[in-house]
Every structure is written in C-alpha cells, then in structure tokens.
N, C-alpha and C. Protein backbone atom coordinates (compact mmCIF):
# COMPACT_ATOMS: atom_id res chain seq x y z
N MET A 1 19.25 -1.93 -15.12
CA MET A 1 19.05 -0.48 -15.16
C MET A 1 19.60 0.04 -16.47
N THR A 2 18.78 0.79 -17.21
CA THR A 2 19.20 1.35 -18.49
C THR A 2 19.09 2.86 -18.44
N ALA A 3 19.78 3.51 -19.36
CA ALA A 3 19.76 4.96 -19.42
C ALA A 3 19.03 5.41 -20.66
N THR A 4 18.10 6.34 -20.52
CA THR A 4 17.37 6.92 -21.65
C THR A 4 17.44 8.43 -21.51
N SER A 5 18.06 9.07 -22.49
CA SER A 5 18.22 10.53 -22.47
C SER A 5 18.89 11.00 -21.18
N GLY A 6 19.85 10.21 -20.70
CA GLY A 6 20.60 10.61 -19.53
C GLY A 6 19.92 10.31 -18.22
N ARG A 7 18.70 9.71 -18.25
CA ARG A 7 17.99 9.41 -17.00
C ARG A 7 17.87 7.91 -16.84
N GLN A 8 18.21 7.42 -15.66
CA GLN A 8 18.14 5.99 -15.41
C GLN A 8 16.69 5.57 -15.18
N THR A 9 16.33 4.42 -15.76
CA THR A 9 14.99 3.89 -15.60
C THR A 9 15.07 2.48 -15.06
N GLY A 10 13.98 2.02 -14.47
CA GLY A 10 13.93 0.68 -13.93
C GLY A 10 12.54 0.39 -13.41
N SER A 11 12.38 -0.73 -12.71
CA SER A 11 11.08 -1.16 -12.23
C SER A 11 10.74 -0.63 -10.84
N GLN A 12 11.70 0.00 -10.18
CA GLN A 12 11.46 0.51 -8.83
C GLN A 12 10.61 1.77 -8.88
N PRO A 13 9.47 1.80 -8.17
CA PRO A 13 8.66 3.02 -8.12
C PRO A 13 9.46 4.18 -7.51
N ARG A 14 9.24 5.36 -8.04
CA ARG A 14 9.88 6.56 -7.51
C ARG A 14 8.99 7.11 -6.40
N LEU A 15 9.21 6.63 -5.19
CA LEU A 15 8.36 6.97 -4.06
C LEU A 15 8.72 8.32 -3.44
N HIS A 16 7.73 8.88 -2.71
CA HIS A 16 7.94 10.11 -1.93
C HIS A 16 8.39 11.27 -2.81
N GLU A 17 7.77 11.37 -3.99
CA GLU A 17 8.09 12.49 -4.88
C GLU A 17 7.49 13.79 -4.32
N HIS A 18 8.17 14.89 -4.52
CA HIS A 18 7.70 16.20 -4.08
C HIS A 18 7.87 17.19 -5.21
N GLY A 19 7.03 18.22 -5.17
CA GLY A 19 7.14 19.28 -6.18
C GLY A 19 6.15 20.38 -5.88
N GLY A 20 6.42 21.56 -6.35
CA GLY A 20 5.53 22.67 -6.14
C GLY A 20 4.32 22.61 -7.07
N GLU A 21 3.38 23.51 -6.86
CA GLU A 21 2.21 23.58 -7.72
C GLU A 21 2.63 23.97 -9.14
N VAL A 22 2.01 23.33 -10.11
CA VAL A 22 2.27 23.72 -11.49
C VAL A 22 1.18 24.67 -11.99
N GLN A 23 0.08 24.78 -11.24
CA GLN A 23 -0.94 25.78 -11.52
C GLN A 23 -1.65 26.11 -10.21
N ALA A 24 -1.75 27.37 -9.89
CA ALA A 24 -2.39 27.80 -8.64
C ALA A 24 -3.90 27.79 -8.78
N PHE A 25 -4.58 27.50 -7.68
CA PHE A 25 -6.04 27.58 -7.66
C PHE A 25 -6.46 29.03 -7.90
N GLY A 26 -7.52 29.21 -8.67
CA GLY A 26 -7.99 30.56 -8.97
C GLY A 26 -7.37 31.16 -10.21
N THR A 27 -6.61 30.36 -10.95
CA THR A 27 -6.03 30.83 -12.21
C THR A 27 -6.57 29.98 -13.36
N VAL A 28 -6.40 30.47 -14.58
CA VAL A 28 -6.79 29.71 -15.76
C VAL A 28 -5.64 29.70 -16.77
N ARG A 29 -5.49 28.56 -17.41
CA ARG A 29 -4.53 28.45 -18.50
C ARG A 29 -5.16 28.96 -19.79
N HIS A 30 -4.34 29.25 -20.77
CA HIS A 30 -4.86 29.66 -22.07
C HIS A 30 -5.27 28.44 -22.86
N PHE A 31 -6.54 28.35 -23.19
CA PHE A 31 -7.05 27.29 -24.04
C PHE A 31 -7.73 27.93 -25.25
N PRO A 32 -7.60 27.32 -26.43
CA PRO A 32 -8.20 27.89 -27.65
C PRO A 32 -9.69 27.58 -27.73
N LEU A 33 -10.48 28.21 -26.85
CA LEU A 33 -11.92 27.92 -26.79
C LEU A 33 -12.77 29.02 -27.40
N GLY A 34 -12.13 30.09 -27.89
CA GLY A 34 -12.91 31.19 -28.44
C GLY A 34 -13.66 31.94 -27.36
N LEU A 35 -13.13 31.91 -26.13
CA LEU A 35 -13.77 32.55 -25.00
C LEU A 35 -12.71 33.34 -24.24
N ALA A 36 -12.99 34.59 -23.96
CA ALA A 36 -12.01 35.48 -23.34
C ALA A 36 -11.53 34.94 -22.00
N ARG A 37 -10.28 35.26 -21.66
CA ARG A 37 -9.71 34.80 -20.40
C ARG A 37 -10.54 35.24 -19.21
N ASP A 38 -10.95 36.51 -19.19
CA ASP A 38 -11.71 37.02 -18.05
C ASP A 38 -13.04 36.28 -17.90
N ALA A 39 -13.66 35.92 -19.01
CA ALA A 39 -14.91 35.18 -18.96
C ALA A 39 -14.68 33.78 -18.39
N ARG A 40 -13.60 33.15 -18.84
CA ARG A 40 -13.29 31.80 -18.34
C ARG A 40 -12.93 31.84 -16.85
N LEU A 41 -12.21 32.86 -16.45
CA LEU A 41 -11.83 33.00 -15.04
C LEU A 41 -13.07 33.19 -14.17
N TYR A 42 -13.98 34.04 -14.61
CA TYR A 42 -15.21 34.28 -13.84
C TYR A 42 -16.05 33.02 -13.75
N SER A 43 -16.19 32.31 -14.87
CA SER A 43 -16.97 31.08 -14.88
C SER A 43 -16.39 30.05 -13.92
N CYS A 44 -15.08 29.93 -13.90
CA CYS A 44 -14.44 28.98 -12.99
C CYS A 44 -14.70 29.33 -11.54
N GLN A 45 -14.69 30.61 -11.22
CA GLN A 45 -14.97 31.03 -9.85
C GLN A 45 -16.39 30.64 -9.44
N ARG A 46 -17.36 30.90 -10.33
CA ARG A 46 -18.75 30.59 -9.99
C ARG A 46 -18.99 29.07 -9.98
N LEU A 47 -18.39 28.37 -10.91
CA LEU A 47 -18.54 26.91 -10.94
C LEU A 47 -17.93 26.26 -9.71
N ASN A 48 -16.81 26.79 -9.24
CA ASN A 48 -16.18 26.21 -8.06
C ASN A 48 -17.03 26.42 -6.80
N ARG A 49 -17.78 27.50 -6.73
CA ARG A 49 -18.70 27.68 -5.61
C ARG A 49 -19.78 26.60 -5.63
N VAL A 50 -20.35 26.40 -6.81
CA VAL A 50 -21.37 25.36 -6.96
C VAL A 50 -20.76 23.99 -6.67
N LEU A 51 -19.53 23.79 -7.13
CA LEU A 51 -18.86 22.51 -6.94
C LEU A 51 -18.62 22.23 -5.46
N ALA A 52 -18.16 23.22 -4.72
CA ALA A 52 -17.91 23.03 -3.29
C ALA A 52 -19.20 22.69 -2.55
N ASP A 53 -20.25 23.46 -2.82
CA ASP A 53 -21.53 23.21 -2.16
C ASP A 53 -22.10 21.85 -2.54
N SER A 54 -21.94 21.48 -3.80
CA SER A 54 -22.48 20.20 -4.27
C SER A 54 -21.74 19.02 -3.63
N GLN A 55 -20.45 19.17 -3.38
CA GLN A 55 -19.72 18.10 -2.72
C GLN A 55 -20.13 17.96 -1.25
N ILE A 56 -20.46 19.08 -0.62
CA ILE A 56 -21.00 19.00 0.74
C ILE A 56 -22.37 18.34 0.72
N LEU A 57 -23.20 18.70 -0.25
CA LEU A 57 -24.53 18.09 -0.37
C LEU A 57 -24.40 16.58 -0.59
N TYR A 58 -23.48 16.17 -1.43
CA TYR A 58 -23.25 14.74 -1.65
C TYR A 58 -22.87 14.05 -0.34
N ALA A 59 -21.97 14.68 0.42
CA ALA A 59 -21.54 14.09 1.69
C ALA A 59 -22.70 13.99 2.67
N LEU A 60 -23.58 15.00 2.68
CA LEU A 60 -24.76 14.95 3.54
C LEU A 60 -25.69 13.81 3.13
N TYR A 61 -25.86 13.64 1.83
CA TYR A 61 -26.69 12.54 1.35
C TYR A 61 -26.15 11.19 1.83
N LYS A 62 -24.85 11.00 1.72
CA LYS A 62 -24.27 9.73 2.15
C LYS A 62 -24.38 9.57 3.67
N LYS A 63 -24.14 10.66 4.40
CA LYS A 63 -24.25 10.61 5.87
C LYS A 63 -25.66 10.20 6.28
N HIS A 64 -26.67 10.85 5.69
CA HIS A 64 -28.05 10.54 6.05
C HIS A 64 -28.47 9.17 5.53
N HIS A 65 -27.91 8.77 4.40
CA HIS A 65 -28.16 7.42 3.88
C HIS A 65 -27.74 6.36 4.88
N TRP A 66 -26.61 6.59 5.54
CA TRP A 66 -26.12 5.64 6.53
C TRP A 66 -26.90 5.72 7.85
N LEU A 67 -27.31 6.93 8.25
CA LEU A 67 -27.84 7.15 9.59
C LEU A 67 -29.36 7.19 9.70
N VAL A 68 -30.06 7.26 8.56
CA VAL A 68 -31.52 7.32 8.61
C VAL A 68 -32.06 6.09 9.33
N ARG A 69 -33.17 6.25 10.02
CA ARG A 69 -33.73 5.14 10.78
C ARG A 69 -35.24 5.30 10.90
N GLY A 70 -35.90 4.26 11.40
CA GLY A 70 -37.34 4.31 11.57
C GLY A 70 -38.06 3.31 10.68
N PRO A 71 -39.41 3.30 10.72
CA PRO A 71 -40.18 2.29 9.98
C PRO A 71 -40.05 2.41 8.46
N THR A 72 -39.65 3.58 7.96
CA THR A 72 -39.48 3.75 6.52
C THR A 72 -38.00 3.68 6.13
N PHE A 73 -37.18 3.07 6.97
CA PHE A 73 -35.74 3.03 6.73
C PHE A 73 -35.39 2.53 5.33
N SER A 74 -35.97 1.42 4.93
CA SER A 74 -35.56 0.79 3.68
C SER A 74 -35.74 1.73 2.48
N SER A 75 -36.92 2.33 2.36
CA SER A 75 -37.19 3.18 1.21
C SER A 75 -36.36 4.47 1.26
N LEU A 76 -36.21 5.06 2.45
CA LEU A 76 -35.42 6.29 2.56
C LEU A 76 -33.94 6.02 2.35
N HIS A 77 -33.46 4.90 2.86
CA HIS A 77 -32.07 4.49 2.67
C HIS A 77 -31.73 4.43 1.19
N LEU A 78 -32.63 3.84 0.42
CA LEU A 78 -32.40 3.70 -1.02
C LEU A 78 -32.55 5.04 -1.75
N LEU A 79 -33.55 5.84 -1.35
CA LEU A 79 -33.76 7.14 -2.00
C LEU A 79 -32.56 8.05 -1.82
N LEU A 80 -32.05 8.12 -0.60
CA LEU A 80 -30.92 9.00 -0.33
C LEU A 80 -29.67 8.56 -1.09
N ASP A 81 -29.48 7.27 -1.24
CA ASP A 81 -28.32 6.78 -1.99
C ASP A 81 -28.47 7.07 -3.47
N LYS A 82 -29.70 6.98 -3.97
CA LYS A 82 -29.96 7.31 -5.38
C LYS A 82 -29.65 8.78 -5.65
N HIS A 83 -30.12 9.65 -4.76
CA HIS A 83 -29.84 11.07 -4.92
C HIS A 83 -28.34 11.35 -4.82
N ALA A 84 -27.66 10.65 -3.93
CA ALA A 84 -26.21 10.83 -3.80
C ALA A 84 -25.50 10.48 -5.10
N GLY A 85 -25.91 9.38 -5.71
CA GLY A 85 -25.31 8.97 -6.98
C GLY A 85 -25.54 9.99 -8.07
N GLU A 86 -26.72 10.58 -8.11
CA GLU A 86 -27.02 11.61 -9.12
C GLU A 86 -26.20 12.87 -8.87
N GLN A 87 -26.02 13.23 -7.60
CA GLN A 87 -25.19 14.38 -7.28
C GLN A 87 -23.74 14.15 -7.64
N LEU A 88 -23.29 12.92 -7.50
CA LEU A 88 -21.91 12.60 -7.86
C LEU A 88 -21.67 12.83 -9.35
N GLN A 89 -22.67 12.52 -10.16
CA GLN A 89 -22.56 12.78 -11.60
C GLN A 89 -22.50 14.28 -11.88
N VAL A 90 -23.33 15.05 -11.16
CA VAL A 90 -23.31 16.50 -11.32
C VAL A 90 -21.94 17.06 -10.93
N ILE A 91 -21.42 16.59 -9.82
CA ILE A 91 -20.11 17.04 -9.33
C ILE A 91 -19.03 16.80 -10.38
N ASP A 92 -19.03 15.63 -10.96
CA ASP A 92 -18.02 15.30 -11.96
C ASP A 92 -18.15 16.21 -13.18
N SER A 93 -19.38 16.49 -13.60
CA SER A 93 -19.60 17.36 -14.76
C SER A 93 -19.12 18.78 -14.49
N VAL A 94 -19.42 19.29 -13.31
CA VAL A 94 -19.00 20.66 -12.98
C VAL A 94 -17.49 20.74 -12.87
N ALA A 95 -16.86 19.76 -12.22
CA ALA A 95 -15.41 19.76 -12.08
C ALA A 95 -14.72 19.70 -13.45
N GLU A 96 -15.24 18.87 -14.33
CA GLU A 96 -14.63 18.75 -15.65
C GLU A 96 -14.85 20.01 -16.48
N ARG A 97 -15.95 20.74 -16.22
CA ARG A 97 -16.16 22.00 -16.92
C ARG A 97 -15.11 23.02 -16.49
N VAL A 98 -14.81 23.05 -15.20
CA VAL A 98 -13.77 23.95 -14.71
C VAL A 98 -12.44 23.64 -15.40
N GLN A 99 -12.12 22.36 -15.50
CA GLN A 99 -10.87 21.96 -16.15
C GLN A 99 -10.89 22.29 -17.64
N THR A 100 -12.05 22.13 -18.26
CA THR A 100 -12.18 22.45 -19.69
C THR A 100 -11.90 23.92 -19.96
N LEU A 101 -12.27 24.77 -19.01
CA LEU A 101 -12.06 26.21 -19.16
C LEU A 101 -10.64 26.62 -18.81
N GLY A 102 -9.81 25.65 -18.40
CA GLY A 102 -8.42 25.95 -18.07
C GLY A 102 -8.19 26.25 -16.61
N GLY A 103 -9.22 26.05 -15.78
CA GLY A 103 -9.10 26.35 -14.36
C GLY A 103 -8.67 25.16 -13.53
N VAL A 104 -8.85 25.30 -12.21
CA VAL A 104 -8.50 24.24 -11.25
C VAL A 104 -9.73 23.96 -10.41
N ALA A 105 -10.25 22.75 -10.51
CA ALA A 105 -11.45 22.39 -9.76
C ALA A 105 -11.12 22.15 -8.29
N VAL A 106 -11.97 22.65 -7.40
CA VAL A 106 -11.76 22.43 -5.97
C VAL A 106 -12.08 20.98 -5.64
N GLY A 107 -11.16 20.30 -4.95
CA GLY A 107 -11.36 18.88 -4.71
C GLY A 107 -11.01 18.41 -3.31
N ASP A 108 -10.06 19.05 -2.66
CA ASP A 108 -9.66 18.63 -1.31
C ASP A 108 -10.77 18.99 -0.32
N PRO A 109 -11.24 18.03 0.49
CA PRO A 109 -12.32 18.32 1.44
C PRO A 109 -12.02 19.49 2.36
N ARG A 110 -10.75 19.68 2.73
CA ARG A 110 -10.41 20.79 3.62
C ARG A 110 -10.54 22.12 2.90
N HIS A 111 -10.26 22.13 1.59
CA HIS A 111 -10.44 23.33 0.79
C HIS A 111 -11.92 23.59 0.57
N ILE A 112 -12.66 22.53 0.32
CA ILE A 112 -14.11 22.64 0.12
C ILE A 112 -14.76 23.28 1.34
N ALA A 113 -14.32 22.87 2.53
CA ALA A 113 -14.89 23.41 3.77
C ALA A 113 -14.65 24.91 3.90
N GLU A 114 -13.60 25.42 3.29
CA GLU A 114 -13.30 26.85 3.35
C GLU A 114 -14.19 27.65 2.40
N ILE A 115 -14.72 27.00 1.37
CA ILE A 115 -15.47 27.69 0.34
C ILE A 115 -16.98 27.58 0.53
N THR A 116 -17.44 26.42 0.96
CA THR A 116 -18.88 26.16 1.00
C THR A 116 -19.62 27.12 1.92
N ARG A 117 -20.88 27.38 1.59
CA ARG A 117 -21.75 28.21 2.42
C ARG A 117 -22.83 27.37 3.09
N ILE A 118 -22.77 26.05 2.91
CA ILE A 118 -23.75 25.17 3.53
C ILE A 118 -23.33 24.91 4.98
N PRO A 119 -24.22 25.17 5.94
CA PRO A 119 -23.86 24.99 7.36
C PRO A 119 -23.45 23.56 7.67
N ARG A 120 -22.54 23.43 8.61
CA ARG A 120 -22.09 22.10 9.01
C ARG A 120 -23.16 21.39 9.81
N ALA A 121 -23.38 20.14 9.51
CA ALA A 121 -24.36 19.33 10.24
C ALA A 121 -23.74 18.81 11.53
N PRO A 122 -24.57 18.46 12.51
CA PRO A 122 -24.04 17.85 13.73
C PRO A 122 -23.30 16.55 13.40
N ASN A 123 -22.35 16.21 14.24
CA ASN A 123 -21.61 14.96 14.02
C ASN A 123 -22.47 13.73 14.28
N GLY A 124 -23.46 13.88 15.15
CA GLY A 124 -24.30 12.75 15.49
C GLY A 124 -25.52 12.60 14.59
N VAL A 125 -26.51 11.86 15.10
CA VAL A 125 -27.70 11.53 14.32
C VAL A 125 -28.81 12.52 14.62
N GLU A 126 -29.42 13.07 13.58
CA GLU A 126 -30.58 13.95 13.71
C GLU A 126 -31.86 13.16 13.44
N PRO A 127 -33.03 13.67 13.88
CA PRO A 127 -34.29 13.04 13.47
C PRO A 127 -34.44 13.11 11.95
N VAL A 128 -35.15 12.17 11.38
CA VAL A 128 -35.30 12.11 9.93
C VAL A 128 -35.83 13.41 9.34
N PRO A 129 -36.89 14.03 9.91
CA PRO A 129 -37.36 15.30 9.33
C PRO A 129 -36.27 16.38 9.31
N ALA A 130 -35.43 16.41 10.34
CA ALA A 130 -34.33 17.38 10.36
C ALA A 130 -33.31 17.08 9.27
N MET A 131 -33.05 15.80 9.04
CA MET A 131 -32.14 15.41 7.96
C MET A 131 -32.65 15.91 6.61
N PHE A 132 -33.95 15.66 6.36
CA PHE A 132 -34.53 16.04 5.08
C PHE A 132 -34.59 17.56 4.94
N SER A 133 -34.92 18.26 6.02
CA SER A 133 -34.95 19.73 5.97
C SER A 133 -33.56 20.28 5.66
N ARG A 134 -32.54 19.68 6.25
CA ARG A 134 -31.17 20.12 6.01
C ARG A 134 -30.80 19.93 4.53
N LEU A 135 -31.20 18.82 3.95
CA LEU A 135 -30.92 18.57 2.55
C LEU A 135 -31.67 19.55 1.64
N VAL A 136 -32.93 19.83 1.96
CA VAL A 136 -33.71 20.78 1.17
C VAL A 136 -33.07 22.17 1.22
N ASP A 137 -32.64 22.59 2.41
CA ASP A 137 -31.99 23.90 2.54
C ASP A 137 -30.70 23.95 1.72
N ALA A 138 -29.94 22.87 1.73
CA ALA A 138 -28.70 22.83 0.95
C ALA A 138 -29.00 22.92 -0.54
N HIS A 139 -30.04 22.21 -0.97
CA HIS A 139 -30.45 22.29 -2.37
C HIS A 139 -30.79 23.73 -2.76
N GLU A 140 -31.55 24.41 -1.89
CA GLU A 140 -31.96 25.78 -2.23
C GLU A 140 -30.75 26.70 -2.33
N THR A 141 -29.79 26.53 -1.44
CA THR A 141 -28.56 27.33 -1.52
C THR A 141 -27.88 27.15 -2.87
N ILE A 142 -27.78 25.90 -3.32
CA ILE A 142 -27.13 25.61 -4.60
C ILE A 142 -27.96 26.12 -5.77
N LEU A 143 -29.26 25.96 -5.69
CA LEU A 143 -30.13 26.40 -6.79
C LEU A 143 -30.07 27.92 -6.98
N ILE A 144 -30.07 28.67 -5.89
CA ILE A 144 -29.98 30.13 -5.99
C ILE A 144 -28.65 30.53 -6.64
N GLU A 145 -27.57 29.90 -6.18
CA GLU A 145 -26.25 30.19 -6.73
C GLU A 145 -26.16 29.79 -8.20
N ALA A 146 -26.68 28.62 -8.53
CA ALA A 146 -26.56 28.10 -9.90
C ALA A 146 -27.36 28.95 -10.88
N ARG A 147 -28.55 29.38 -10.49
CA ARG A 147 -29.36 30.21 -11.39
C ARG A 147 -28.69 31.55 -11.65
N ASP A 148 -28.20 32.16 -10.60
CA ASP A 148 -27.52 33.45 -10.77
C ASP A 148 -26.26 33.29 -11.62
N ALA A 149 -25.50 32.25 -11.34
CA ALA A 149 -24.28 32.00 -12.12
C ALA A 149 -24.59 31.74 -13.59
N ALA A 150 -25.65 30.97 -13.84
CA ALA A 150 -26.02 30.65 -15.23
C ALA A 150 -26.33 31.91 -16.01
N THR A 151 -27.06 32.84 -15.40
CA THR A 151 -27.41 34.09 -16.08
C THR A 151 -26.17 34.92 -16.37
N ARG A 152 -25.28 35.00 -15.40
CA ARG A 152 -24.11 35.86 -15.55
C ARG A 152 -23.07 35.30 -16.52
N VAL A 153 -22.85 33.99 -16.50
CA VAL A 153 -21.86 33.44 -17.43
C VAL A 153 -22.39 33.48 -18.86
N ALA A 154 -23.71 33.36 -19.03
CA ALA A 154 -24.29 33.47 -20.37
C ALA A 154 -24.07 34.87 -20.93
N ALA A 155 -24.19 35.88 -20.06
CA ALA A 155 -23.98 37.26 -20.50
C ALA A 155 -22.54 37.49 -20.96
N LEU A 156 -21.61 36.66 -20.47
CA LEU A 156 -20.20 36.77 -20.88
C LEU A 156 -19.87 35.89 -22.08
N GLY A 157 -20.88 35.20 -22.60
CA GLY A 157 -20.68 34.36 -23.78
C GLY A 157 -20.35 32.92 -23.49
N ASP A 158 -20.36 32.52 -22.22
CA ASP A 158 -20.02 31.14 -21.87
C ASP A 158 -21.29 30.28 -21.88
N ASP A 159 -21.72 29.93 -23.09
CA ASP A 159 -22.95 29.15 -23.23
C ASP A 159 -22.80 27.73 -22.68
N GLY A 160 -21.58 27.19 -22.75
CA GLY A 160 -21.36 25.84 -22.25
C GLY A 160 -21.60 25.73 -20.76
N SER A 161 -21.08 26.69 -19.99
CA SER A 161 -21.30 26.67 -18.55
C SER A 161 -22.75 26.95 -18.21
N ASN A 162 -23.37 27.85 -18.97
CA ASN A 162 -24.79 28.12 -18.76
C ASN A 162 -25.62 26.87 -18.95
N ASP A 163 -25.35 26.13 -20.01
CA ASP A 163 -26.09 24.90 -20.29
C ASP A 163 -25.90 23.87 -19.19
N LEU A 164 -24.66 23.72 -18.72
CA LEU A 164 -24.38 22.77 -17.65
C LEU A 164 -25.12 23.13 -16.37
N LEU A 165 -25.07 24.40 -16.00
CA LEU A 165 -25.70 24.84 -14.77
C LEU A 165 -27.21 24.63 -14.81
N VAL A 166 -27.82 24.92 -15.96
CA VAL A 166 -29.27 24.79 -16.07
C VAL A 166 -29.70 23.34 -16.24
N SER A 167 -29.07 22.64 -17.17
CA SER A 167 -29.55 21.30 -17.53
C SER A 167 -29.17 20.23 -16.52
N GLU A 168 -28.08 20.42 -15.79
CA GLU A 168 -27.67 19.41 -14.83
C GLU A 168 -27.83 19.86 -13.38
N VAL A 169 -27.23 20.99 -13.03
CA VAL A 169 -27.27 21.40 -11.63
C VAL A 169 -28.69 21.79 -11.20
N VAL A 170 -29.32 22.68 -11.97
CA VAL A 170 -30.64 23.17 -11.58
C VAL A 170 -31.70 22.09 -11.72
N ARG A 171 -31.75 21.43 -12.84
CA ARG A 171 -32.82 20.46 -13.05
C ARG A 171 -32.71 19.26 -12.12
N THR A 172 -31.50 18.79 -11.90
CA THR A 172 -31.33 17.69 -10.94
C THR A 172 -31.69 18.14 -9.53
N GLY A 173 -31.23 19.33 -9.15
CA GLY A 173 -31.51 19.84 -7.81
C GLY A 173 -32.97 20.08 -7.56
N GLU A 174 -33.67 20.64 -8.55
CA GLU A 174 -35.10 20.89 -8.39
C GLU A 174 -35.87 19.59 -8.17
N LEU A 175 -35.56 18.59 -8.96
CA LEU A 175 -36.26 17.31 -8.84
C LEU A 175 -35.99 16.65 -7.50
N GLN A 176 -34.75 16.68 -7.07
CA GLN A 176 -34.41 16.06 -5.78
C GLN A 176 -35.04 16.83 -4.62
N ALA A 177 -35.04 18.15 -4.69
CA ALA A 177 -35.66 18.95 -3.63
C ALA A 177 -37.15 18.67 -3.53
N TRP A 178 -37.79 18.47 -4.66
CA TRP A 178 -39.22 18.13 -4.67
C TRP A 178 -39.47 16.81 -3.96
N PHE A 179 -38.69 15.79 -4.29
CA PHE A 179 -38.84 14.47 -3.66
C PHE A 179 -38.66 14.58 -2.14
N LEU A 180 -37.68 15.35 -1.72
CA LEU A 180 -37.43 15.49 -0.29
C LEU A 180 -38.54 16.25 0.41
N ALA A 181 -38.97 17.36 -0.19
CA ALA A 181 -39.98 18.20 0.44
C ALA A 181 -41.29 17.46 0.63
N GLU A 182 -41.64 16.59 -0.31
CA GLU A 182 -42.89 15.84 -0.19
C GLU A 182 -42.86 14.90 1.00
N HIS A 183 -41.68 14.49 1.41
CA HIS A 183 -41.57 13.63 2.60
C HIS A 183 -41.81 14.41 3.89
N LEU A 184 -41.79 15.73 3.81
CA LEU A 184 -41.98 16.56 5.00
C LEU A 184 -43.43 16.98 5.19
N VAL A 185 -44.33 16.52 4.30
CA VAL A 185 -45.76 16.82 4.45
C VAL A 185 -46.33 15.92 5.54
N ASP A 186 -46.93 16.52 6.54
CA ASP A 186 -47.47 15.77 7.68
C ASP A 186 -48.94 15.44 7.40
N THR A 187 -49.16 14.31 6.78
CA THR A 187 -50.52 13.91 6.43
C THR A 187 -50.67 12.42 6.68
N PRO A 188 -51.84 12.00 7.20
CA PRO A 188 -52.04 10.56 7.43
C PRO A 188 -52.29 9.82 6.12
N LEU A 189 -51.98 8.53 6.14
CA LEU A 189 -52.24 7.72 4.95
C LEU A 189 -53.72 7.57 4.70
N VAL A 190 -54.51 7.49 5.79
CA VAL A 190 -55.97 7.37 5.67
C VAL A 190 -56.59 8.30 6.71
N GLY A 191 -57.85 8.68 6.50
CA GLY A 191 -58.54 9.53 7.45
C GLY A 191 -60.01 9.20 7.49
N THR A 192 -60.72 9.69 8.53
CA THR A 192 -62.15 9.44 8.63
C THR A 192 -62.90 10.35 7.68
N GLY A 193 -64.14 10.02 7.44
CA GLY A 193 -64.98 10.85 6.58
C GLY A 193 -65.13 12.25 7.14
N ARG A 194 -65.25 12.36 8.47
CA ARG A 194 -65.39 13.68 9.10
C ARG A 194 -64.15 14.52 8.87
N GLU A 195 -62.96 13.91 8.99
CA GLU A 195 -61.72 14.64 8.76
C GLU A 195 -61.64 15.14 7.33
N ARG A 196 -62.09 14.31 6.39
CA ARG A 196 -62.06 14.73 4.99
C ARG A 196 -63.03 15.88 4.75
N ASP A 197 -64.21 15.80 5.37
CA ASP A 197 -65.18 16.87 5.20
C ASP A 197 -64.66 18.19 5.76
N GLU A 198 -63.99 18.12 6.93
CA GLU A 198 -63.46 19.33 7.53
C GLU A 198 -62.36 19.93 6.67
N ALA A 199 -61.53 19.08 6.10
CA ALA A 199 -60.46 19.57 5.22
C ALA A 199 -61.05 20.22 3.98
N THR A 200 -62.10 19.61 3.42
CA THR A 200 -62.75 20.16 2.23
C THR A 200 -63.41 21.48 2.56
N ARG A 201 -64.05 21.59 3.74
CA ARG A 201 -64.70 22.83 4.16
C ARG A 201 -63.69 23.96 4.30
N ASP A 202 -62.53 23.63 4.87
CA ASP A 202 -61.48 24.64 5.03
C ASP A 202 -60.99 25.16 3.69
N GLU A 203 -60.82 24.25 2.76
CA GLU A 203 -60.30 24.63 1.45
C GLU A 203 -61.31 25.41 0.62
N SER A 204 -62.64 25.22 0.90
CA SER A 204 -63.67 25.87 0.11
C SER A 204 -64.24 27.10 0.80
N GLY A 205 -63.52 27.59 1.83
CA GLY A 205 -63.96 28.81 2.49
C GLY A 205 -65.07 28.62 3.49
N GLY A 206 -65.20 27.43 4.05
CA GLY A 206 -66.18 27.20 5.10
C GLY A 206 -67.43 26.51 4.64
N GLN A 207 -67.61 26.29 3.34
CA GLN A 207 -68.79 25.63 2.82
C GLN A 207 -68.48 24.18 2.49
N SER A 208 -69.17 23.26 3.13
CA SER A 208 -68.94 21.85 2.85
C SER A 208 -69.56 21.50 1.51
N ILE A 209 -68.81 20.74 0.69
CA ILE A 209 -69.35 20.33 -0.61
C ILE A 209 -69.58 18.83 -0.64
N SER A 210 -69.61 18.21 0.54
CA SER A 210 -69.86 16.77 0.60
C SER A 210 -71.34 16.53 0.73
N GLY A 211 -71.78 15.36 0.38
CA GLY A 211 -73.18 14.99 0.54
C GLY A 211 -74.07 15.88 -0.30
C-alpha cells in the first residue's frame, strides 16, 4: 500500500461507492458550442422525448423478434432484428447529441417509462399483424415528434440537432415504417384471371380493360 497525495492506493477495488448526482436531469452544462443555453436546454428536452420513445420502440422490436411466429417466422424474425439494430444506432446518436449539448440523456428504463408516450404492449404474445401495427403506430408517434422538434430547434439555431433528427431519426423511421406497413397488406400471392379482372374493373371505375 502506497500513499499518493495523502490518499492510499492499492489493488483492492473500492466497492459499494456512493455519491449524489453531479448533474441533475433536465439541466445543461456550459459548453463552448456557440449556441445559447436556452437553445441547448430546449433541444435536450425535445431530444430526450425522442430518445425515450425510440428506446421503447427498440424494446418492442426485440420483443416481437423473439415472439413472432407462423409460416413466415424466419424472414420476419430477421427483419425485426435488423430494424432493432438500426434503431439502436439511432438511439446512440440521439443520446450522444444530448450529451454534446451539455445535457443528460435519459437511460434508465424506469425513467424512460415515465417519459414515453408509446402505449405499453401486453406482456404476452400478440398476433403478428397486431405486432406490426403496434410498431407502425410507435414509428408514427416518433416521426411526428421528431419532425416538429427538428423545425423548432432549427429556428433556435441548433442545426446539429435538426440534421440528426431529419437524417437519422426521420429517415430511418420512415423506411422502417414502410417495410412494416407493406406486411399488413392483405393480398394473395396469386389470383385467378376473374379476380384480376374484377380488381381492374374496380380501379377503372367499373369498365373492364381486359381482353
């Protein structure tokens, strides 16, 4: 055991350490970013809303990835995990943006549950269409919030947060929502000629254009 600056050091881990918060949630430190404190504070508030919802969306993706079932299990299992991985990247980018602005990113699941506006899913297994509908609804909630936040933070001069919200949150969410929504289209893989003619007649206002 040796002494350095009056403090003893050694190889024993200092277990069971305790201490108060060094920065409260909802506050921002002063960083030399050329951006006003009030602007950074507002951006952190809006980013944390998106962050909380996105972490719930990620958890839903993983839950449905594990629980999806049926004849298309293999492809859906892989799709949902791919989307989860992409959301995880978005989550990390948003959290690091909050920290870059001097704020505190929401991270504890119990805190996230207090902030999110995405409804809680049942603890058990839902039918696959219900799973996908739930994910699409969650995406829309985040997209509405992200678009509004992007416009407002840009007006305050926070171009960095605007770029993140548009280029990562919105664009990733739109693409994933599209993939999910297309799985909810109830259409057969093949159909009879009569069925195709009837569909064509409906789309053309009652006039068949076949034959």
